[in-house]
C-alpha cells in the first residue's frame, strides 16, 4: 500500500471480455506452480470433498486444517455410510469446536439421502445433487467440478470478491442483481477443459491474493485483467450485520457423588448439545463468580458468567453427569472451555 492509502497495483492492460482464454491460461499457470496441497485436493471422492466444503462454509481454512477437524472427521467417519449411521451424540462430539452445528446435522442428512436414494454413490448430475438435503447451487457446483471434473460454475465469498474487483463492480454482492451477475460471470469465465483446476485456482486466488481488505495486487497472476483502481474498497455489501450484546449466566454445581449438573439444549441452533444450566440473575445473589469470558456466535457478542453454587433445584432437561463421562457429552466450544477452566483441566 502506498503512503496515501492506495493499493499498489498494475493498471489493466488486457481486456477480459475479449481475451478470456488468456485469463484462464494465466490463472491456471499460476495455480499449477503455486497451488497449495490440501487433503481434499488429493482425492476425487465426493464424500470427502463434501465434508471439506461444509466445514469451510463458515469456518476459516486455518482452523479446519490447523486444528485437525477435517482429518479427525474423516478418520471417524471414513465412508458416507459411516456418517449416515452415526449416533447424533457421536457426530456432534466430533464436530465440537467448529460451531454452526446445523451443518453437521445437514451433512449427515445428505449422507443418509445418498445411501437411501443412490446406494451410497453420489450422483453427478446437477438436478440430482440439488435434490439432496443441504446441497445448494454452490455445493452442487463444487462436487461436480472437484469430484467429477465436470464443467460447473461456482460462486462463494472468495469468488465474489475476485469478480467485484476484476470488473470494478460496486453492485452490492448480497443484492439480487449482484448475485445474478456474479453467477453469470462464473459461467462465462469457466474453463470447460479444466473445471476442477480452474475453480480451485479461482477460489485460492481469493483466499491468498485477492483477499479480504488489502489485496496483494503485485503478486496477482491476473492483475493485467483487473479493472479496479481501488480494490480495497470492493466488494460492496448492502446489508451490514448489527452485533447484539447478550449476557448468559450459568451455574456450576456438584452433588455428593461429585457429579456435575448439565443441561441438554433443545433449541434449533444447539439442540442435542450440553452445557452448564442457566439461571436468572435474581437467583444468583449468594453465588460466587468463578469465571467470566466472551464469545461470538453469528450476530451476537455474548458475555458468559459462571457461578458456583452449593445446590439448585433441577429443571427440565437437566441431569447429573459423572466427571469421567463429561468428555462423551458434546458441548459448544465456549461451554467446554468454561467448564475446563472451572474444573482446572485442559478443555
Protein backbone atom coordinates (compact mmCIF):
# COMPACT_ATOMS: atom_id res chain seq x y z
CA UNK A 1 0.00 0.00 0.00
CA UNK A 2 1.31 3.47 -0.84
CA UNK A 3 1.77 6.32 1.63
CA UNK A 4 -1.65 7.81 0.72
CA UNK A 5 -3.51 4.55 1.42
CA UNK A 6 -3.92 3.47 -2.21
CA UNK A 7 -3.13 -0.13 -3.14
CA UNK A 8 -0.16 -0.62 -5.41
CA UNK A 9 -1.48 -2.47 -8.44
CA UNK A 10 -0.72 -2.68 -12.13
CA UNK A 11 -3.06 -0.84 -14.47
CA UNK A 12 -5.20 -3.21 -16.53
CA UNK A 13 -3.60 -3.85 -19.90
CA UNK A 14 -5.77 -6.76 -21.09
CA UNK A 15 -9.47 -6.83 -21.94
CA UNK A 16 -11.11 -9.64 -20.00
CA UNK A 17 -14.20 -9.65 -22.20
CA UNK A 18 -12.17 -10.14 -25.36
CA UNK A 19 -9.43 -12.45 -24.09
CA UNK A 20 -11.00 -14.98 -21.72
CA UNK A 21 -8.62 -17.72 -22.89
CA UNK A 22 -5.59 -15.68 -21.85
CA UNK A 23 -7.16 -15.05 -18.44
CA UNK A 24 -7.77 -18.76 -17.94
CA UNK A 25 -4.24 -19.63 -19.06
CA UNK A 26 -2.65 -17.11 -16.70
CA UNK A 27 -4.73 -18.28 -13.74
CA UNK A 28 -4.05 -21.97 -14.37
CA UNK A 29 -0.32 -21.41 -14.91
CA UNK A 30 -0.11 -19.70 -11.52
CA UNK A 31 -2.13 -22.41 -9.78
CA UNK A 32 -0.14 -25.27 -11.28
CA UNK A 33 3.00 -23.72 -9.87
CA UNK A 34 1.69 -22.12 -6.67
CA UNK A 35 -1.46 -24.01 -5.69
CA UNK A 36 -1.42 -25.35 -2.15
CA UNK A 37 -1.71 -29.00 -1.23
CA UNK A 38 -4.90 -29.60 0.75
CA UNK A 39 -6.10 -33.12 1.65
CA UNK A 40 -9.34 -32.74 -0.31
CA UNK A 41 -7.31 -31.91 -3.42
CA UNK A 42 -5.64 -35.32 -3.27
CA UNK A 43 -8.93 -37.15 -3.79
CA UNK A 44 -11.86 -37.29 -6.15
CA UNK A 45 -14.10 -38.88 -3.51
CA UNK A 46 -17.25 -36.71 -3.46
CA UNK A 47 -17.90 -37.60 0.19
CA UNK A 48 -14.50 -36.31 1.37
CA UNK A 49 -14.91 -33.23 -0.80
CA UNK A 50 -18.39 -32.57 0.58
CA UNK A 51 -17.07 -32.75 4.15
CA UNK A 52 -14.41 -30.15 3.34
CA UNK A 53 -16.91 -27.86 1.63
CA UNK A 54 -19.39 -27.97 4.50
CA UNK A 55 -16.66 -27.35 7.09
CA UNK A 56 -15.24 -24.42 5.14
CA UNK A 57 -18.61 -22.72 4.63
CA UNK A 58 -18.40 -20.81 7.90
CA UNK A 59 -15.01 -21.74 9.32
CA UNK A 60 -11.57 -20.47 8.33
CA UNK A 61 -9.25 -22.77 6.43
CA UNK A 62 -6.57 -22.35 9.10
CA UNK A 63 -8.98 -23.71 11.74
CA UNK A 64 -10.30 -26.63 9.68
CA UNK A 65 -6.79 -27.81 8.83
CA UNK A 66 -4.61 -26.35 11.57
CA UNK A 67 -6.68 -27.78 14.40
CA UNK A 68 -7.22 -31.12 12.70
CA UNK A 69 -11.01 -31.02 12.38
CA UNK A 70 -11.12 -32.32 8.82
CA UNK A 71 -8.72 -35.18 9.44
CA UNK A 72 -10.45 -36.29 12.65
CA UNK A 73 -13.86 -36.25 10.99
CA UNK A 74 -12.70 -38.33 8.01
CA UNK A 75 -10.91 -40.79 10.27
CA UNK A 76 -14.01 -41.21 12.46
CA UNK A 77 -16.48 -41.42 9.56
CA UNK A 78 -14.38 -42.94 6.81
CA UNK A 79 -17.22 -43.56 4.34
CA UNK A 80 -20.52 -41.89 3.61
CA UNK A 81 -22.21 -44.97 5.07
CA UNK A 82 -20.38 -44.46 8.38
CA UNK A 83 -21.64 -40.90 8.68
CA UNK A 84 -25.17 -41.88 7.69
CA UNK A 85 -25.31 -44.46 10.50
CA UNK A 86 -23.61 -42.38 13.21
CA UNK A 87 -25.33 -41.58 16.50
CA UNK A 88 -26.06 -37.87 16.83
CA UNK A 89 -24.12 -37.52 20.09
CA UNK A 90 -21.01 -39.00 18.46
CA UNK A 91 -21.41 -36.79 15.42
CA UNK A 92 -21.76 -33.63 17.49
CA UNK A 93 -18.78 -34.56 19.67
CA UNK A 94 -16.54 -34.98 16.61
CA UNK A 95 -17.83 -31.68 15.20
CA UNK A 96 -17.38 -29.91 18.53
CA UNK A 97 -15.43 -26.66 18.23
CA UNK A 98 -16.44 -25.92 14.64
CA UNK A 99 -19.71 -24.28 15.66
CA UNK A 100 -22.82 -23.90 13.49
CA UNK A 101 -23.88 -27.43 14.43
CA UNK A 102 -26.71 -27.37 11.93
CA UNK A 103 -24.01 -28.03 9.32
CA UNK A 104 -23.13 -31.36 10.96
CA UNK A 105 -26.75 -32.48 11.04
CA UNK A 106 -27.33 -31.42 7.44
CA UNK A 107 -24.15 -33.20 6.37
CA UNK A 108 -25.48 -36.38 7.95
CA UNK A 109 -28.87 -35.89 6.28
CA UNK A 110 -27.07 -35.61 2.94
CA UNK A 111 -25.14 -38.81 3.65
CA UNK A 112 -28.33 -40.64 4.59
CA UNK A 113 -30.06 -39.47 1.40
CA UNK A 114 -27.10 -40.61 -0.73
CA UNK A 115 -27.30 -44.04 0.88
CA UNK A 116 -31.07 -44.33 0.65
CA UNK A 117 -31.60 -42.88 -2.84
CA UNK A 118 -28.34 -43.70 -4.62
CA UNK A 119 -26.95 -46.78 -2.91
CA UNK A 120 -24.13 -44.85 -1.26
CA UNK A 121 -22.80 -43.37 -4.52
CA UNK A 122 -23.01 -39.63 -5.11
CA UNK A 123 -24.79 -38.62 -8.31
CA UNK A 124 -23.01 -36.23 -10.65
CA UNK A 125 -25.98 -34.58 -12.36
CA UNK A 126 -26.84 -31.10 -11.12
CA UNK A 127 -30.55 -31.77 -10.57
CA UNK A 128 -29.91 -34.96 -8.61
CA UNK A 129 -27.28 -33.26 -6.45
CA UNK A 130 -29.53 -30.29 -5.68
CA UNK A 131 -32.34 -32.67 -4.72
CA UNK A 132 -30.21 -33.87 -1.80
CA UNK A 133 -30.77 -32.13 1.56
CA UNK A 134 -28.25 -29.39 2.25
CA UNK A 135 -26.97 -29.19 -1.32
CA UNK A 136 -27.43 -25.80 -2.95
CA UNK A 137 -26.16 -24.28 -6.15
CA UNK A 138 -22.63 -23.67 -4.87
CA UNK A 139 -22.13 -27.09 -3.25
CA UNK A 140 -23.51 -28.87 -6.32
CA UNK A 141 -21.03 -26.98 -8.49
CA UNK A 142 -18.18 -27.78 -6.10
CA UNK A 143 -18.98 -31.52 -6.16
CA UNK A 144 -19.37 -31.63 -9.93
CA UNK A 145 -16.10 -29.81 -10.59
CA UNK A 146 -13.88 -31.05 -7.76
CA UNK A 147 -15.10 -34.67 -7.55
CA UNK A 148 -16.11 -35.39 -11.14
CA UNK A 149 -14.12 -32.73 -13.05
CA UNK A 150 -17.30 -31.70 -14.84
CA UNK A 151 -17.82 -28.11 -16.04
CA UNK A 152 -19.90 -26.41 -13.38
CA UNK A 153 -19.67 -22.81 -12.22
CA UNK A 154 -19.46 -21.95 -8.55
CA UNK A 155 -19.56 -18.72 -6.60
CA UNK A 156 -18.56 -18.29 -2.97
CA UNK A 157 -17.35 -15.29 -0.98
CA UNK A 158 -13.84 -15.53 -2.40
CA UNK A 159 -15.09 -15.68 -5.97
CA UNK A 160 -17.48 -12.77 -5.41
CA UNK A 161 -14.60 -10.64 -4.14
CA UNK A 162 -12.40 -11.54 -7.11
CA UNK A 163 -15.14 -10.75 -9.63
CA UNK A 164 -16.09 -7.46 -7.97
CA UNK A 165 -12.51 -6.28 -8.31
CA UNK A 166 -11.81 -7.76 -11.74
CA UNK A 167 -14.81 -5.94 -13.19
CA UNK A 168 -14.56 -2.91 -10.86
CA UNK A 169 -18.18 -3.51 -9.95
CA UNK A 170 -19.72 -1.62 -6.98
CA UNK A 171 -23.01 -3.54 -7.21
CA UNK A 172 -23.68 -4.96 -3.72
CA UNK A 173 -22.73 -8.64 -3.81
CA UNK A 174 -25.62 -9.52 -1.48
CA UNK A 175 -28.23 -7.91 -3.73
CA UNK A 176 -30.35 -9.89 -6.18
CA UNK A 177 -28.72 -8.14 -9.12
CA UNK A 178 -25.24 -8.65 -7.71
CA UNK A 179 -25.71 -12.37 -7.09
CA UNK A 180 -27.18 -12.91 -10.55
CA UNK A 181 -24.30 -11.08 -12.21
CA UNK A 182 -21.63 -12.95 -10.27
CA UNK A 183 -23.08 -16.30 -11.34
CA UNK A 184 -23.27 -15.10 -14.95
CA UNK A 185 -19.58 -14.21 -14.83
CA UNK A 186 -18.70 -17.56 -13.29
CA UNK A 187 -20.44 -19.33 -16.18
CA UNK A 188 -18.75 -17.10 -18.73
CA UNK A 189 -15.21 -17.47 -17.37
CA UNK A 190 -15.38 -21.18 -16.50
CA UNK A 191 -12.74 -23.30 -18.19
CA UNK A 192 -14.69 -26.25 -19.57
CA UNK A 193 -11.50 -28.18 -20.32
CA UNK A 194 -10.13 -27.95 -16.77
CA UNK A 195 -13.06 -27.20 -14.44
CA UNK A 196 -11.51 -28.74 -11.33
CA UNK A 197 -8.25 -26.84 -11.71
CA UNK A 198 -9.92 -23.60 -12.75
CA UNK A 199 -12.39 -23.45 -9.86
CA UNK A 200 -9.68 -24.41 -7.38
CA UNK A 201 -7.45 -21.68 -8.77
CA UNK A 202 -10.18 -19.05 -8.69
CA UNK A 203 -11.04 -19.79 -5.07
CA UNK A 204 -7.39 -19.87 -3.99
CA UNK A 205 -6.80 -16.57 -5.74
CA UNK A 206 -9.44 -15.07 -3.47
CA UNK A 207 -8.07 -16.79 -0.37
CA UNK A 208 -4.43 -15.87 -0.81
CA UNK A 209 -4.03 -12.94 -3.20
CA UNK A 210 -7.31 -11.10 -3.74
CA UNK A 211 -8.01 -11.40 -0.04
CA UNK A 212 -10.32 -9.51 2.30
CA UNK A 213 -9.19 -5.94 2.92
CA UNK A 214 -5.99 -5.06 1.12
CA UNK A 215 -5.16 -7.47 -1.73
CA UNK A 216 -1.65 -8.39 -2.87
CA UNK A 217 -2.07 -7.00 -6.38
CA UNK A 218 1.64 -7.12 -7.22
CA UNK A 219 1.56 -10.92 -6.77
CA UNK A 220 -1.69 -11.41 -8.69
CA UNK A 221 -1.33 -13.62 -11.79
CA UNK A 222 -4.30 -11.93 -13.50
CA UNK A 223 -3.66 -8.31 -12.45
CA UNK A 224 -3.37 -7.32 -16.12
CA UNK A 225 -7.10 -8.08 -16.49
CA UNK A 226 -8.24 -6.29 -13.30
CA UNK A 227 -10.11 -3.05 -13.92
CA UNK A 228 -10.27 -1.85 -10.31
CA UNK A 229 -8.12 1.10 -9.27
CA UNK A 230 -9.13 0.88 -5.60
CA UNK A 231 -9.66 -2.85 -4.96
CA UNK A 232 -9.53 -2.41 -1.18
CA UNK A 233 -12.94 -0.69 -1.41
CA UNK A 234 -14.57 -3.71 -3.03
CA UNK A 235 -16.73 -5.71 -2.76
CA UNK A 236 -19.69 -3.66 -1.55
CA UNK A 237 -22.40 -5.11 0.68
CA UNK A 238 -25.88 -3.66 1.01
CA UNK A 239 -26.64 -5.22 4.38
CA UNK A 240 -24.39 -4.60 7.36
CA UNK A 241 -24.77 -7.09 10.20
CA UNK A 242 -25.55 -5.44 13.54
CA UNK A 243 -23.89 -7.06 16.55
CA UNK A 244 -26.15 -7.60 19.57
CA UNK A 245 -24.70 -7.93 23.05
CA UNK A 246 -26.07 -10.63 25.33
CA UNK A 247 -25.31 -11.96 28.79
CA UNK A 248 -25.57 -15.61 29.86
CA UNK A 249 -25.37 -16.74 33.47
CA UNK A 250 -24.78 -20.41 34.19
CA UNK A 251 -24.17 -22.35 37.37
CA UNK A 252 -21.54 -24.90 38.29
CA UNK A 253 -22.72 -27.32 40.95
CA UNK A 254 -21.66 -30.81 42.10
CA UNK A 255 -23.64 -33.31 44.08
CA UNK A 256 -22.42 -35.59 46.90
CA UNK A 257 -21.14 -38.09 44.30
CA UNK A 258 -19.02 -35.43 42.57
CA UNK A 259 -21.30 -35.41 39.55
CA UNK A 260 -21.73 -32.18 37.55
CA UNK A 261 -25.15 -30.78 36.72
CA UNK A 262 -25.61 -30.29 32.95
CA UNK A 263 -28.47 -29.26 30.69
CA UNK A 264 -29.18 -30.67 27.22
CA UNK A 265 -30.27 -27.94 24.83
CA UNK A 266 -33.46 -28.42 22.83
CA UNK A 267 -33.15 -25.35 20.59
CA UNK A 268 -32.62 -25.34 16.84
CA UNK A 269 -29.09 -23.96 16.93
CA UNK A 270 -27.67 -26.10 19.72
CA UNK A 271 -30.16 -28.93 20.03
CA UNK A 272 -28.52 -32.06 21.45
CA UNK A 273 -25.56 -30.17 22.91
CA UNK A 274 -24.86 -29.99 26.64
CA UNK A 275 -23.91 -27.03 28.80
CA UNK A 276 -23.96 -25.77 32.36
CA UNK A 277 -27.53 -24.82 33.38
CA UNK A 278 -28.66 -21.20 33.09
CA UNK A 279 -30.23 -19.25 35.94
CA UNK A 280 -31.74 -15.76 36.24
CA UNK A 281 -29.61 -13.07 37.87
CA UNK A 282 -32.05 -12.86 40.80
CA UNK A 283 -31.27 -16.48 41.71
CA UNK A 284 -27.53 -15.81 41.98
CA UNK A 285 -27.30 -13.22 44.75
CA UNK A 286 -25.38 -15.57 47.04
CA UNK A 287 -23.36 -17.31 44.31
CA UNK A 288 -19.61 -16.95 43.71
CA UNK A 289 -18.45 -15.80 40.30
CA UNK A 290 -15.95 -18.48 39.17
CA UNK A 291 -15.25 -17.47 35.60
CA UNK A 292 -16.13 -14.79 33.06
CA UNK A 293 -15.47 -14.82 29.32
CA UNK A 294 -16.76 -13.52 26.00
CA UNK A 295 -17.54 -15.31 22.76
CA UNK A 296 -19.17 -14.50 19.44
CA UNK A 297 -21.83 -16.52 17.65
CA UNK A 298 -23.39 -15.32 14.38
CA UNK A 299 -24.52 -11.75 15.13
CA UNK A 300 -24.24 -11.97 18.90
CA UNK A 301 -21.44 -10.96 21.25
CA UNK A 302 -22.03 -12.95 24.43
CA UNK A 303 -20.65 -12.35 27.91
CA UNK A 304 -20.69 -15.65 29.79
CA UNK A 305 -20.66 -15.73 33.61
CA UNK A 306 -20.12 -18.99 35.51
CA UNK A 307 -21.27 -19.01 39.13
CA UNK A 308 -20.52 -21.60 41.77
CA UNK A 309 -23.47 -22.67 43.89
CA UNK A 310 -23.88 -25.30 46.59
CA UNK A 311 -27.20 -26.64 45.35
CA UNK A 312 -30.05 -25.93 42.93
CA UNK A 313 -33.44 -27.33 42.11
CA UNK A 314 -33.30 -29.38 38.93
CA UNK A 315 -35.26 -28.10 35.96
CA UNK A 316 -36.47 -29.87 32.84
CA UNK A 317 -33.61 -31.09 30.65
CA UNK A 318 -31.04 -31.07 33.46
CA UNK A 319 -29.27 -34.13 34.84
CA UNK A 320 -26.21 -35.16 36.81
CA UNK A 321 -23.20 -36.36 34.81
CA UNK A 322 -20.21 -38.20 36.24
CA UNK A 323 -16.85 -36.49 35.77
CA UNK A 324 -15.46 -39.37 33.69
CA UNK A 325 -18.45 -39.10 31.31
CA UNK A 326 -18.12 -35.37 30.59
CA UNK A 327 -15.92 -35.92 27.54
CA UNK A 328 -18.59 -38.05 25.86
CA UNK A 329 -21.17 -35.24 26.10
CA UNK A 330 -20.92 -32.85 23.13
CA UNK A 331 -20.77 -29.17 24.11
CA UNK A 332 -20.47 -25.90 22.26
CA UNK A 333 -16.86 -24.74 22.45
CA UNK A 334 -17.40 -21.77 24.84
CA UNK A 335 -19.09 -24.01 27.43
CA UNK A 336 -16.44 -26.72 27.10
CA UNK A 337 -13.77 -24.10 27.64
CA UNK A 338 -15.54 -22.53 30.63
CA UNK A 339 -16.13 -25.92 32.24
CA UNK A 340 -12.48 -26.82 31.72
CA UNK A 341 -11.36 -23.61 33.42
CA UNK A 342 -13.62 -24.17 36.42
CA UNK A 343 -12.52 -27.79 36.76
CA UNK A 344 -8.88 -26.85 36.26
CA UNK A 345 -8.42 -29.18 33.31
CA UNK A 346 -7.46 -28.67 29.67
CA UNK A 347 -10.55 -28.02 27.55
